[in-house]
C-alpha atoms as a PDB file:
ATOM      1  CA  UNK A   1      34.342 -36.445  52.216  1.00  0.00           C
ATOM      2  CA  UNK A   2      38.089 -35.985  51.775  1.00  0.00           C
ATOM      3  CA  UNK A   3      38.708 -37.747  55.084  1.00  0.00           C
ATOM      4  CA  UNK A   4      36.547 -40.671  54.011  1.00  0.00           C
ATOM      5  CA  UNK A   5      38.379 -40.923  50.688  1.00  0.00           C
ATOM      6  CA  UNK A   6      41.736 -40.841  52.493  1.00  0.00           C
ATOM      7  CA  UNK A   7      40.591 -43.538  54.935  1.00  0.00           C
ATOM      8  CA  UNK A   8      39.423 -45.807  52.123  1.00  0.00           C
ATOM      9  CA  UNK A   9      42.671 -45.201  50.209  1.00  0.00           C
ATOM     10  CA  UNK A  10      44.809 -46.026  53.240  1.00  0.00           C
ATOM     11  CA  UNK A  11      42.910 -49.327  53.455  1.00  0.00           C
ATOM     12  CA  UNK A  12      44.647 -50.382  50.219  1.00  0.00           C
ATOM     13  CA  UNK A  13      46.273 -53.455  51.886  1.00  0.00           C
ATOM     14  CA  UNK A  14      42.803 -54.627  52.966  1.00  0.00           C
ATOM     15  CA  UNK A  15      41.427 -54.370  49.413  1.00  0.00           C
ATOM     16  CA  UNK A  16      44.403 -56.232  47.933  1.00  0.00           C
ATOM     17  CA  UNK A  17      44.546 -58.958  50.574  1.00  0.00           C
ATOM     18  CA  UNK A  18      40.771 -59.382  50.706  1.00  0.00           C
ATOM     19  CA  UNK A  19      40.509 -59.616  46.932  1.00  0.00           C
ATOM     20  CA  UNK A  20      43.337 -62.146  46.807  1.00  0.00           C
ATOM     21  CA  UNK A  21      41.759 -64.386  49.458  1.00  0.00           C
ATOM     22  CA  UNK A  22      38.328 -64.248  47.812  1.00  0.00           C
ATOM     23  CA  UNK A  23      39.895 -65.038  44.440  1.00  0.00           C
ATOM     24  CA  UNK A  24      41.336 -68.257  45.855  1.00  0.00           C
ATOM     25  CA  UNK A  25      37.850 -69.596  46.595  1.00  0.00           C
ATOM     26  CA  UNK A  26      35.679 -67.692  44.126  1.00  0.00           C
ATOM     27  CA  UNK A  27      37.990 -67.106  41.142  1.00  0.00           C
ATOM     28  CA  UNK A  28      35.115 -66.460  38.724  1.00  0.00           C
ATOM     29  CA  UNK A  29      34.328 -63.275  40.625  1.00  0.00           C
ATOM     30  CA  UNK A  30      37.596 -61.775  39.385  1.00  0.00           C
ATOM     31  CA  UNK A  31      38.951 -63.690  36.389  1.00  0.00           C
ATOM     32  CA  UNK A  32      36.641 -61.807  34.022  1.00  0.00           C
ATOM     33  CA  UNK A  33      38.934 -58.829  34.587  1.00  0.00           C
ATOM     34  CA  UNK A  34      41.761 -59.970  32.336  1.00  0.00           C
ATOM     35  CA  UNK A  35      43.430 -59.313  29.003  1.00  0.00           C
ATOM     36  CA  UNK A  36      42.526 -55.856  27.647  1.00  0.00           C
ATOM     37  CA  UNK A  37      40.669 -54.965  30.860  1.00  0.00           C
ATOM     38  CA  UNK A  38      43.970 -55.029  32.770  1.00  0.00           C
ATOM     39  CA  UNK A  39      45.683 -52.889  30.134  1.00  0.00           C
ATOM     40  CA  UNK A  40      42.886 -50.310  30.191  1.00  0.00           C
ATOM     41  CA  UNK A  41      42.704 -50.373  33.992  1.00  0.00           C
ATOM     42  CA  UNK A  42      46.406 -49.635  34.319  1.00  0.00           C
ATOM     43  CA  UNK A  43      46.186 -46.968  31.621  1.00  0.00           C
ATOM     44  CA  UNK A  44      43.407 -45.159  33.510  1.00  0.00           C
ATOM     45  CA  UNK A  45      45.450 -45.327  36.728  1.00  0.00           C
ATOM     46  CA  UNK A  46      48.522 -43.918  35.020  1.00  0.00           C
ATOM     47  CA  UNK A  47      46.421 -41.161  33.457  1.00  0.00           C
ATOM     48  CA  UNK A  48      45.204 -40.157  36.922  1.00  0.00           C
ATOM     49  CA  UNK A  49      48.742 -40.099  38.274  1.00  0.00           C
ATOM     50  CA  UNK A  50      49.923 -38.099  35.283  1.00  0.00           C
ATOM     51  CA  UNK A  51      47.415 -35.423  36.226  1.00  0.00           C
ATOM     52  CA  UNK A  52      49.345 -34.878  39.457  1.00  0.00           C
ATOM     53  CA  UNK A  53      52.598 -34.188  37.581  1.00  0.00           C
ATOM     54  CA  UNK A  54      54.033 -31.231  35.712  1.00  0.00           C
ATOM     55  CA  UNK A  55      56.857 -30.897  33.199  1.00  0.00           C
ATOM     56  CA  UNK A  56      58.971 -29.390  35.967  1.00  0.00           C
ATOM     57  CA  UNK A  57      58.744 -32.697  37.860  1.00  0.00           C
ATOM     58  CA  UNK A  58      60.323 -34.562  34.952  1.00  0.00           C
ATOM     59  CA  UNK A  59      62.957 -31.891  34.376  1.00  0.00           C
ATOM     60  CA  UNK A  60      63.917 -32.283  38.007  1.00  0.00           C
ATOM     61  CA  UNK A  61      64.158 -36.076  37.687  1.00  0.00           C
ATOM     62  CA  UNK A  62      66.417 -35.792  34.631  1.00  0.00           C
ATOM     63  CA  UNK A  63      68.863 -33.870  36.800  1.00  0.00           C
ATOM     64  CA  UNK A  64      68.971 -36.866  39.198  1.00  0.00           C
ATOM     65  CA  UNK A  65      70.710 -39.643  37.237  1.00  0.00           C
ATOM     66  CA  UNK A  66      72.146 -41.237  40.380  1.00  0.00           C
ATOM     67  CA  UNK A  67      68.850 -42.484  41.924  1.00  0.00           C
ATOM     68  CA  UNK A  68      67.690 -43.702  38.489  1.00  0.00           C
ATOM     69  CA  UNK A  69      70.957 -45.622  38.106  1.00  0.00           C
ATOM     70  CA  UNK A  70      70.658 -46.996  41.646  1.00  0.00           C
ATOM     71  CA  UNK A  71      67.123 -48.223  40.960  1.00  0.00           C
ATOM     72  CA  UNK A  72      68.202 -49.878  37.724  1.00  0.00           C
ATOM     73  CA  UNK A  73      71.213 -51.650  39.218  1.00  0.00           C
ATOM     74  CA  UNK A  74      69.293 -52.793  42.307  1.00  0.00           C
ATOM     75  CA  UNK A  75      66.337 -53.977  40.193  1.00  0.00           C
ATOM     76  CA  UNK A  76      68.502 -56.297  38.114  1.00  0.00           C
ATOM     77  CA  UNK A  77      70.952 -57.431  40.788  1.00  0.00           C
ATOM     78  CA  UNK A  78      69.307 -57.459  44.234  1.00  0.00           C
ATOM     79  CA  UNK A  79      66.049 -59.101  43.146  1.00  0.00           C
ATOM     80  CA  UNK A  80      67.438 -61.807  40.809  1.00  0.00           C
ATOM     81  CA  UNK A  81      70.081 -62.811  43.348  1.00  0.00           C
ATOM     82  CA  UNK A  82      67.464 -62.898  46.111  1.00  0.00           C
ATOM     83  CA  UNK A  83      65.207 -65.084  43.966  1.00  0.00           C
ATOM     84  CA  UNK A  84      68.025 -67.495  43.194  1.00  0.00           C
ATOM     85  CA  UNK A  85      69.321 -67.584  46.790  1.00  0.00           C
ATOM     86  CA  UNK A  86      65.908 -68.054  48.430  1.00  0.00           C
ATOM     87  CA  UNK A  87      64.999 -70.880  46.064  1.00  0.00           C
ATOM     88  CA  UNK A  88      68.268 -72.618  46.940  1.00  0.00           C
ATOM     89  CA  UNK A  89      67.989 -71.921  50.683  1.00  0.00           C
ATOM     90  CA  UNK A  90      64.435 -73.255  50.988  1.00  0.00           C
ATOM     91  CA  UNK A  91      64.972 -76.152  48.586  1.00  0.00           C
ATOM     92  CA  UNK A  92      62.025 -75.235  46.367  1.00  0.00           C
ATOM     93  CA  UNK A  93      60.862 -77.703  43.756  1.00  0.00           C
ATOM     94  CA  UNK A  94      62.244 -76.913  40.301  1.00  0.00           C
ATOM     95  CA  UNK A  95      59.123 -75.264  38.787  1.00  0.00           C
ATOM     96  CA  UNK A  96      58.631 -73.083  41.870  1.00  0.00           C
ATOM     97  CA  UNK A  97      62.329 -72.135  42.002  1.00  0.00           C
ATOM     98  CA  UNK A  98      62.317 -71.220  38.299  1.00  0.00           C
ATOM     99  CA  UNK A  99      59.107 -69.208  38.737  1.00  0.00           C
ATOM    100  CA  UNK A 100      60.589 -67.325  41.685  1.00  0.00           C
ATOM    101  CA  UNK A 101      63.718 -66.495  39.683  1.00  0.00           C
ATOM    102  CA  UNK A 102      61.602 -65.466  36.696  1.00  0.00           C
ATOM    103  CA  UNK A 103      59.504 -62.953  38.622  1.00  0.00           C
ATOM    104  CA  UNK A 104      62.630 -61.680  40.388  1.00  0.00           C
ATOM    105  CA  UNK A 105      64.169 -60.960  36.968  1.00  0.00           C
ATOM    106  CA  UNK A 106      61.125 -59.018  35.747  1.00  0.00           C
ATOM    107  CA  UNK A 107      61.148 -55.204  35.675  1.00  0.00           C
ATOM    108  CA  UNK A 108      59.352 -52.957  38.116  1.00  0.00           C
ATOM    109  CA  UNK A 109      55.596 -53.060  37.640  1.00  0.00           C
ATOM    110  CA  UNK A 110      53.254 -50.133  37.096  1.00  0.00           C
ATOM    111  CA  UNK A 111      51.814 -50.907  40.536  1.00  0.00           C
ATOM    112  CA  UNK A 112      55.075 -49.516  41.932  1.00  0.00           C
ATOM    113  CA  UNK A 113      54.125 -46.128  40.501  1.00  0.00           C
ATOM    114  CA  UNK A 114      50.741 -46.358  42.192  1.00  0.00           C
ATOM    115  CA  UNK A 115      52.200 -47.304  45.574  1.00  0.00           C
ATOM    116  CA  UNK A 116      54.763 -44.501  45.223  1.00  0.00           C
ATOM    117  CA  UNK A 117      51.835 -42.172  44.597  1.00  0.00           C
ATOM    118  CA  UNK A 118      50.064 -43.455  47.730  1.00  0.00           C
ATOM    119  CA  UNK A 119      53.290 -43.253  49.784  1.00  0.00           C
ATOM    120  CA  UNK A 120      53.748 -39.586  48.842  1.00  0.00           C
ATOM    121  CA  UNK A 121      57.192 -40.368  47.454  1.00  0.00           C
ATOM    122  CA  UNK A 122      58.617 -39.211  44.096  1.00  0.00           C
ATOM    123  CA  UNK A 123      56.099 -40.360  41.453  1.00  0.00           C
ATOM    124  CA  UNK A 124      57.954 -38.801  38.528  1.00  0.00           C
ATOM    125  CA  UNK A 125      61.141 -40.604  39.568  1.00  0.00           C
ATOM    126  CA  UNK A 126      59.216 -43.859  39.947  1.00  0.00           C
ATOM    127  CA  UNK A 127      57.692 -43.536  36.460  1.00  0.00           C
ATOM    128  CA  UNK A 128      61.137 -42.948  34.935  1.00  0.00           C
ATOM    129  CA  UNK A 129      62.582 -45.922  36.844  1.00  0.00           C
ATOM    130  CA  UNK A 130      59.741 -48.180  35.717  1.00  0.00           C
ATOM    131  CA  UNK A 131      60.116 -47.111  32.093  1.00  0.00           C
ATOM    132  CA  UNK A 132      63.892 -47.655  32.150  1.00  0.00           C
ATOM    133  CA  UNK A 133      63.693 -51.089  33.784  1.00  0.00           C
ATOM    134  CA  UNK A 134      60.829 -52.195  31.528  1.00  0.00           C
ATOM    135  CA  UNK A 135      62.685 -51.272  28.356  1.00  0.00           C
ATOM    136  CA  UNK A 136      65.875 -52.893  29.670  1.00  0.00           C
ATOM    137  CA  UNK A 137      63.903 -56.051  30.549  1.00  0.00           C
ATOM    138  CA  UNK A 138      63.822 -56.942  26.859  1.00  0.00           C
ATOM    139  CA  UNK A 139      67.438 -58.008  27.323  1.00  0.00           C
ATOM    140  CA  UNK A 140      67.879 -58.331  31.077  1.00  0.00           C
ATOM    141  CA  UNK A 141      64.942 -60.623  31.919  1.00  0.00           C
ATOM    142  CA  UNK A 142      65.824 -63.475  29.504  1.00  0.00           C
ATOM    143  CA  UNK A 143      69.568 -63.085  30.129  1.00  0.00           C
ATOM    144  CA  UNK A 144      69.294 -63.199  33.925  1.00  0.00           C
ATOM    145  CA  UNK A 145      66.704 -65.987  33.907  1.00  0.00           C
ATOM    146  CA  UNK A 146      68.944 -68.081  31.665  1.00  0.00           C
ATOM    147  CA  UNK A 147      71.945 -67.326  33.861  1.00  0.00           C
ATOM    148  CA  UNK A 148      70.228 -68.134  37.160  1.00  0.00           C
ATOM    149  CA  UNK A 149      67.637 -70.740  36.150  1.00  0.00           C
ATOM    150  CA  UNK A 150      69.436 -72.375  33.245  1.00  0.00           C
ATOM    151  CA  UNK A 151      66.559 -71.767  30.821  1.00  0.00           C
ATOM    152  CA  UNK A 152      66.233 -68.932  28.344  1.00  0.00           C
ATOM    153  CA  UNK A 153      62.987 -66.921  28.402  1.00  0.00           C
ATOM    154  CA  UNK A 154      62.165 -65.370  25.010  1.00  0.00           C
ATOM    155  CA  UNK A 155      60.687 -61.880  25.299  1.00  0.00           C
ATOM    156  CA  UNK A 156      58.645 -60.120  22.616  1.00  0.00           C
ATOM    157  CA  UNK A 157      60.620 -56.851  22.531  1.00  0.00           C
ATOM    158  CA  UNK A 158      58.110 -54.931  20.411  1.00  0.00           C
ATOM    159  CA  UNK A 159      55.190 -56.231  22.469  1.00  0.00           C
ATOM    160  CA  UNK A 160      56.906 -55.263  25.707  1.00  0.00           C
ATOM    161  CA  UNK A 161      57.713 -51.821  24.332  1.00  0.00           C
ATOM    162  CA  UNK A 162      54.130 -51.330  23.153  1.00  0.00           C
ATOM    163  CA  UNK A 163      52.751 -52.414  26.534  1.00  0.00           C
ATOM    164  CA  UNK A 164      55.048 -49.916  28.245  1.00  0.00           C
ATOM    165  CA  UNK A 165      53.845 -47.148  25.965  1.00  0.00           C
ATOM    166  CA  UNK A 166      50.220 -48.162  26.524  1.00  0.00           C
ATOM    167  CA  UNK A 167      50.148 -48.359  30.301  1.00  0.00           C
ATOM    168  CA  UNK A 168      52.946 -46.025  31.391  1.00  0.00           C
ATOM    169  CA  UNK A 169      54.344 -43.468  28.973  1.00  0.00           C
ATOM    170  CA  UNK A 170      51.326 -42.400  26.894  1.00  0.00           C
ATOM    171  CA  UNK A 171      48.781 -42.166  29.766  1.00  0.00           C
ATOM    172  CA  UNK A 172      51.202 -40.267  31.994  1.00  0.00           C
ATOM    173  CA  UNK A 173      52.050 -37.807  29.234  1.00  0.00           C
ATOM    174  CA  UNK A 174      48.329 -37.393  28.522  1.00  0.00           C
ATOM    175  CA  UNK A 175      47.718 -36.692  32.222  1.00  0.00           C
ATOM    176  CA  UNK A 176      50.535 -34.130  32.329  1.00  0.00           C
ATOM    177  CA  UNK A 177      49.073 -32.433  29.249  1.00  0.00           C
ATOM    178  CA  UNK A 178      45.587 -32.330  30.787  1.00  0.00           C
ATOM    179  CA  UNK A 179      47.034 -30.889  33.999  1.00  0.00           C
ATOM    180  CA  UNK A 180      48.897 -28.263  31.981  1.00  0.00           C
ATOM    181  CA  UNK A 181      46.146 -27.161  29.616  1.00  0.00           C
ATOM    182  CA  UNK A 182      42.910 -28.070  31.455  1.00  0.00           C
ATOM    183  CA  UNK A 183      43.579 -27.546  35.197  1.00  0.00           C
ATOM    184  CA  UNK A 184      39.877 -27.045  35.940  1.00  0.00           C
ATOM    185  CA  UNK A 185      39.199 -30.605  34.751  1.00  0.00           C
ATOM    186  CA  UNK A 186      41.913 -31.963  37.047  1.00  0.00           C
ATOM    187  CA  UNK A 187      40.827 -30.373  40.341  1.00  0.00           C
ATOM    188  CA  UNK A 188      37.661 -32.452  40.971  1.00  0.00           C
ATOM    189  CA  UNK A 189      39.427 -35.655  39.883  1.00  0.00           C
ATOM    190  CA  UNK A 190      42.460 -35.473  42.164  1.00  0.00           C
ATOM    191  CA  UNK A 191      40.717 -36.330  45.490  1.00  0.00           C
ATOM    192  CA  UNK A 192      39.213 -39.506  43.981  1.00  0.00           C
ATOM    193  CA  UNK A 193      42.240 -40.661  41.943  1.00  0.00           C
ATOM    194  CA  UNK A 194      44.140 -42.476  44.766  1.00  0.00           C
ATOM    195  CA  UNK A 195      41.076 -44.551  45.742  1.00  0.00           C
ATOM    196  CA  UNK A 196      40.356 -45.495  42.119  1.00  0.00           C
ATOM    197  CA  UNK A 197      44.008 -46.538  41.789  1.00  0.00           C
ATOM    198  CA  UNK A 198      43.868 -48.655  44.942  1.00  0.00           C
ATOM    199  CA  UNK A 199      40.677 -50.487  43.959  1.00  0.00           C
ATOM    200  CA  UNK A 200      41.878 -51.134  40.416  1.00  0.00           C
ATOM    201  CA  UNK A 201      45.174 -52.598  41.630  1.00  0.00           C
ATOM    202  CA  UNK A 202      43.250 -54.843  44.028  1.00  0.00           C
ATOM    203  CA  UNK A 203      41.067 -56.054  41.154  1.00  0.00           C
ATOM    204  CA  UNK A 204      44.078 -56.779  38.941  1.00  0.00           C
ATOM    205  CA  UNK A 205      45.822 -58.746  41.711  1.00  0.00           C
ATOM    206  CA  UNK A 206      42.664 -60.740  42.441  1.00  0.00           C
ATOM    207  CA  UNK A 207      42.315 -61.569  38.751  1.00  0.00           C
ATOM    208  CA  UNK A 208      45.866 -62.944  38.548  1.00  0.00           C
ATOM    209  CA  UNK A 209      45.368 -64.973  41.729  1.00  0.00           C
ATOM    210  CA  UNK A 210      42.011 -66.293  40.536  1.00  0.00           C
ATOM    211  CA  UNK A 211      43.539 -67.570  37.307  1.00  0.00           C
ATOM    212  CA  UNK A 212      45.957 -69.744  39.342  1.00  0.00           C
ATOM    213  CA  UNK A 213      43.713 -70.445  42.345  1.00  0.00           C
ATOM    214  CA  UNK A 214      43.833 -74.254  42.218  1.00  0.00           C
ATOM    215  CA  UNK A 215      47.629 -74.423  41.999  1.00  0.00           C
ATOM    216  CA  UNK A 216      48.072 -71.829  44.748  1.00  0.00           C
ATOM    217  CA  UNK A 217      45.752 -73.624  47.162  1.00  0.00           C
ATOM    218  CA  UNK A 218      47.695 -76.827  46.579  1.00  0.00           C
ATOM    219  CA  UNK A 219      51.126 -75.346  47.219  1.00  0.00           C
ATOM    220  CA  UNK A 220      51.111 -72.991  50.182  1.00  0.00           C
ATOM    221  CA  UNK A 221      53.608 -73.028  53.104  1.00  0.00           C
ATOM    222  CA  UNK A 222      57.203 -72.828  51.954  1.00  0.00           C
ATOM    223  CA  UNK A 223      56.211 -71.211  48.665  1.00  0.00           C
ATOM    224  CA  UNK A 224      54.415 -68.361  50.452  1.00  0.00           C
ATOM    225  CA  UNK A 225      57.460 -67.909  52.679  1.00  0.00           C
ATOM    226  CA  UNK A 226      59.756 -67.781  49.640  1.00  0.00           C
ATOM    227  CA  UNK A 227      57.720 -65.088  47.869  1.00  0.00           C
ATOM    228  CA  UNK A 228      57.383 -63.057  51.069  1.00  0.00           C
ATOM    229  CA  UNK A 229      61.157 -63.197  51.646  1.00  0.00           C
ATOM    230  CA  UNK A 230      61.802 -62.097  48.063  1.00  0.00           C
ATOM    231  CA  UNK A 231      59.716 -58.944  48.264  1.00  0.00           C
ATOM    232  CA  UNK A 232      60.466 -58.062  51.880  1.00  0.00           C
ATOM    233  CA  UNK A 233      64.157 -58.334  51.049  1.00  0.00           C
ATOM    234  CA  UNK A 234      63.726 -56.131  47.971  1.00  0.00           C
ATOM    235  CA  UNK A 235      61.913 -53.381  49.880  1.00  0.00           C
ATOM    236  CA  UNK A 236      64.391 -53.452  52.756  1.00  0.00           C
ATOM    237  CA  UNK A 237      67.566 -53.586  50.673  1.00  0.00           C
ATOM    238  CA  UNK A 238      66.299 -50.948  48.239  1.00  0.00           C
ATOM    239  CA  UNK A 239      65.601 -48.497  51.059  1.00  0.00           C
ATOM    240  CA  UNK A 240      68.805 -49.349  52.907  1.00  0.00           C
ATOM    241  CA  UNK A 241      71.026 -48.922  49.842  1.00  0.00           C
ATOM    242  CA  UNK A 242      69.477 -45.548  49.012  1.00  0.00           C
ATOM    243  CA  UNK A 243      69.964 -44.236  52.557  1.00  0.00           C
ATOM    244  CA  UNK A 244      73.482 -45.691  52.708  1.00  0.00           C
ATOM    245  CA  UNK A 245      74.378 -43.732  49.571  1.00  0.00           C
ATOM    246  CA  UNK A 246      73.088 -40.503  51.121  1.00  0.00           C
ATOM    247  CA  UNK A 247      69.696 -40.062  49.437  1.00  0.00           C
ATOM    248  CA  UNK A 248      66.797 -38.439  51.277  1.00  0.00           C
ATOM    249  CA  UNK A 249      63.652 -40.165  52.520  1.00  0.00           C
ATOM    250  CA  UNK A 250      61.550 -39.431  49.426  1.00  0.00           C
ATOM    251  CA  UNK A 251      64.099 -40.950  47.042  1.00  0.00           C
ATOM    252  CA  UNK A 252      64.771 -43.855  49.413  1.00  0.00           C
ATOM    253  CA  UNK A 253      61.062 -44.669  49.584  1.00  0.00           C
ATOM    254  CA  UNK A 254      60.821 -44.554  45.807  1.00  0.00           C
ATOM    255  CA  UNK A 255      63.825 -46.833  45.292  1.00  0.00           C
ATOM    256  CA  UNK A 256      62.506 -49.220  47.950  1.00  0.00           C
ATOM    257  CA  UNK A 257      59.132 -49.509  46.238  1.00  0.00           C
ATOM    258  CA  UNK A 258      60.609 -49.770  42.752  1.00  0.00           C
ATOM    259  CA  UNK A 259      62.993 -52.562  43.770  1.00  0.00           C
ATOM    260  CA  UNK A 260      60.512 -54.441  45.943  1.00  0.00           C
ATOM    261  CA  UNK A 261      57.644 -54.520  43.426  1.00  0.00           C
ATOM    262  CA  UNK A 262      57.887 -56.564  40.236  1.00  0.00           C
ATOM    263  CA  UNK A 263      55.800 -56.824  37.093  1.00  0.00           C
ATOM    264  CA  UNK A 264      54.211 -60.067  38.253  1.00  0.00           C
ATOM    265  CA  UNK A 265      51.702 -60.012  35.424  1.00  0.00           C
ATOM    266  CA  UNK A 266      54.555 -60.150  32.924  1.00  0.00           C
ATOM    267  CA  UNK A 267      56.038 -63.041  34.892  1.00  0.00           C
ATOM    268  CA  UNK A 268      52.758 -64.969  34.693  1.00  0.00           C
ATOM    269  CA  UNK A 269      52.505 -64.441  30.933  1.00  0.00           C
ATOM    270  CA  UNK A 270      56.112 -65.473  30.285  1.00  0.00           C
ATOM    271  CA  UNK A 271      55.796 -68.532  32.517  1.00  0.00           C
ATOM    272  CA  UNK A 272      52.656 -69.734  30.753  1.00  0.00           C
ATOM    273  CA  UNK A 273      54.028 -69.124  27.288  1.00  0.00           C
ATOM    274  CA  UNK A 274      57.577 -70.402  27.669  1.00  0.00           C
ATOM    275  CA  UNK A 275      57.605 -73.114  30.359  1.00  0.00           C
ATOM    276  CA  UNK A 276      55.894 -76.477  29.987  1.00  0.00           C
ATOM    277  CA  UNK A 277      55.144 -76.897  33.706  1.00  0.00           C
ATOM    278  CA  UNK A 278      52.143 -74.699  34.655  1.00  0.00           C
ATOM    279  CA  UNK A 279      53.401 -74.539  38.262  1.00  0.00           C
ATOM    280  CA  UNK A 280      56.138 -72.162  37.112  1.00  0.00           C
ATOM    281  CA  UNK A 281      53.531 -69.392  36.949  1.00  0.00           C
ATOM    282  CA  UNK A 282      52.378 -69.892  40.550  1.00  0.00           C
ATOM    283  CA  UNK A 283      55.137 -67.854  42.312  1.00  0.00           C
ATOM    284  CA  UNK A 284      54.464 -65.025  39.860  1.00  0.00           C
ATOM    285  CA  UNK A 285      50.755 -65.029  40.709  1.00  0.00           C
ATOM    286  CA  UNK A 286      51.416 -65.079  44.456  1.00  0.00           C
ATOM    287  CA  UNK A 287      53.963 -62.299  43.966  1.00  0.00           C
ATOM    288  CA  UNK A 288      51.239 -59.949  42.736  1.00  0.00           C
ATOM    289  CA  UNK A 289      49.539 -60.066  46.136  1.00  0.00           C
ATOM    290  CA  UNK A 290      52.623 -60.080  48.356  1.00  0.00           C
ATOM    291  CA  UNK A 291      54.370 -57.105  46.809  1.00  0.00           C
ATOM    292  CA  UNK A 292      51.136 -55.107  46.746  1.00  0.00           C
ATOM    293  CA  UNK A 293      50.347 -55.875  50.384  1.00  0.00           C
ATOM    294  CA  UNK A 294      53.879 -55.149  51.620  1.00  0.00           C
ATOM    295  CA  UNK A 295      54.128 -52.032  49.483  1.00  0.00           C
ATOM    296  CA  UNK A 296      50.736 -50.721  50.504  1.00  0.00           C
ATOM    297  CA  UNK A 297      51.423 -51.340  54.197  1.00  0.00           C
ATOM    298  CA  UNK A 298      54.652 -49.364  53.832  1.00  0.00           C
ATOM    299  CA  UNK A 299      52.803 -46.622  51.928  1.00  0.00           C
ATOM    300  CA  UNK A 300      50.184 -46.366  54.662  1.00  0.00           C
ATOM    301  CA  UNK A 301      52.830 -46.289  57.373  1.00  0.00           C
ATOM    302  CA  UNK A 302      54.809 -43.580  55.598  1.00  0.00           C
ATOM    303  CA  UNK A 303      51.656 -41.510  55.052  1.00  0.00           C
ATOM    304  CA  UNK A 304      50.863 -41.737  58.777  1.00  0.00           C
ATOM    305  CA  UNK A 305      54.422 -40.762  59.686  1.00  0.00           C
ATOM    306  CA  UNK A 306      54.219 -37.707  57.442  1.00  0.00           C
ATOM    307  CA  UNK A 307      51.185 -36.495  59.379  1.00  0.00           C
ATOM    308  CA  UNK A 308      53.035 -36.477  62.676  1.00  0.00           C
END
């Protein structure tokens, strides 16, 4: 049974890609999973990951300020500059270029914690990095988007903080507490948790794609290339910078995933609320699939390498 669960979990890229493709042609199959469903889905995932952590994990992370600082700096320099440069290099239309910059300026998404979990990297470090970048995004996302795209993006600071507490901090702390005080409850859950995480992420990505299916089908080609280049560059540069600065493989994997994966859902919401052209949200929607597929492929590859 454990082997079957591991096999299904390692097929994470298949679930994400398959769900995204189906959502393009049958969006109604997935768009029902939106709004509070996404919040609760992410909260359940984070709860499951929290059950794998102990207080000692977080104490250890707090003694490692350098990788946290590296992740923060790379998140808000490498990705925004890549988004701006790729849009210019490929000559993207204005709404697509602005959307690419917007998602590049977003913080790391909670999916990065899940992929870190699947990659057997440092989950506690990833959670801290995500929390730091998400809180900083209140200032950094509108500032960088205005700087690079010429348009200011208002961000609901309290709403962003509350969302972070809902889907990251509170569930993880609850999971740590359950692991600490009710270990017998945790044991039967742990083998199933990675597969539940993988399927839920796939459902969330498919929902975001389904909500923008018409626009995505009408604007493939160069736009797909642009989003792929953005995330591939983030993963590669994040890993390379960490190794260059002397960090080990586990930290380098974590930084790579944290830099390469964005909160695309936040990008979609901001684009729809604050930009008149609906096409601005399209790169953000496509981003949700690309970063999950690239990240999950890397996670699977790293897991296989660890077995050798």
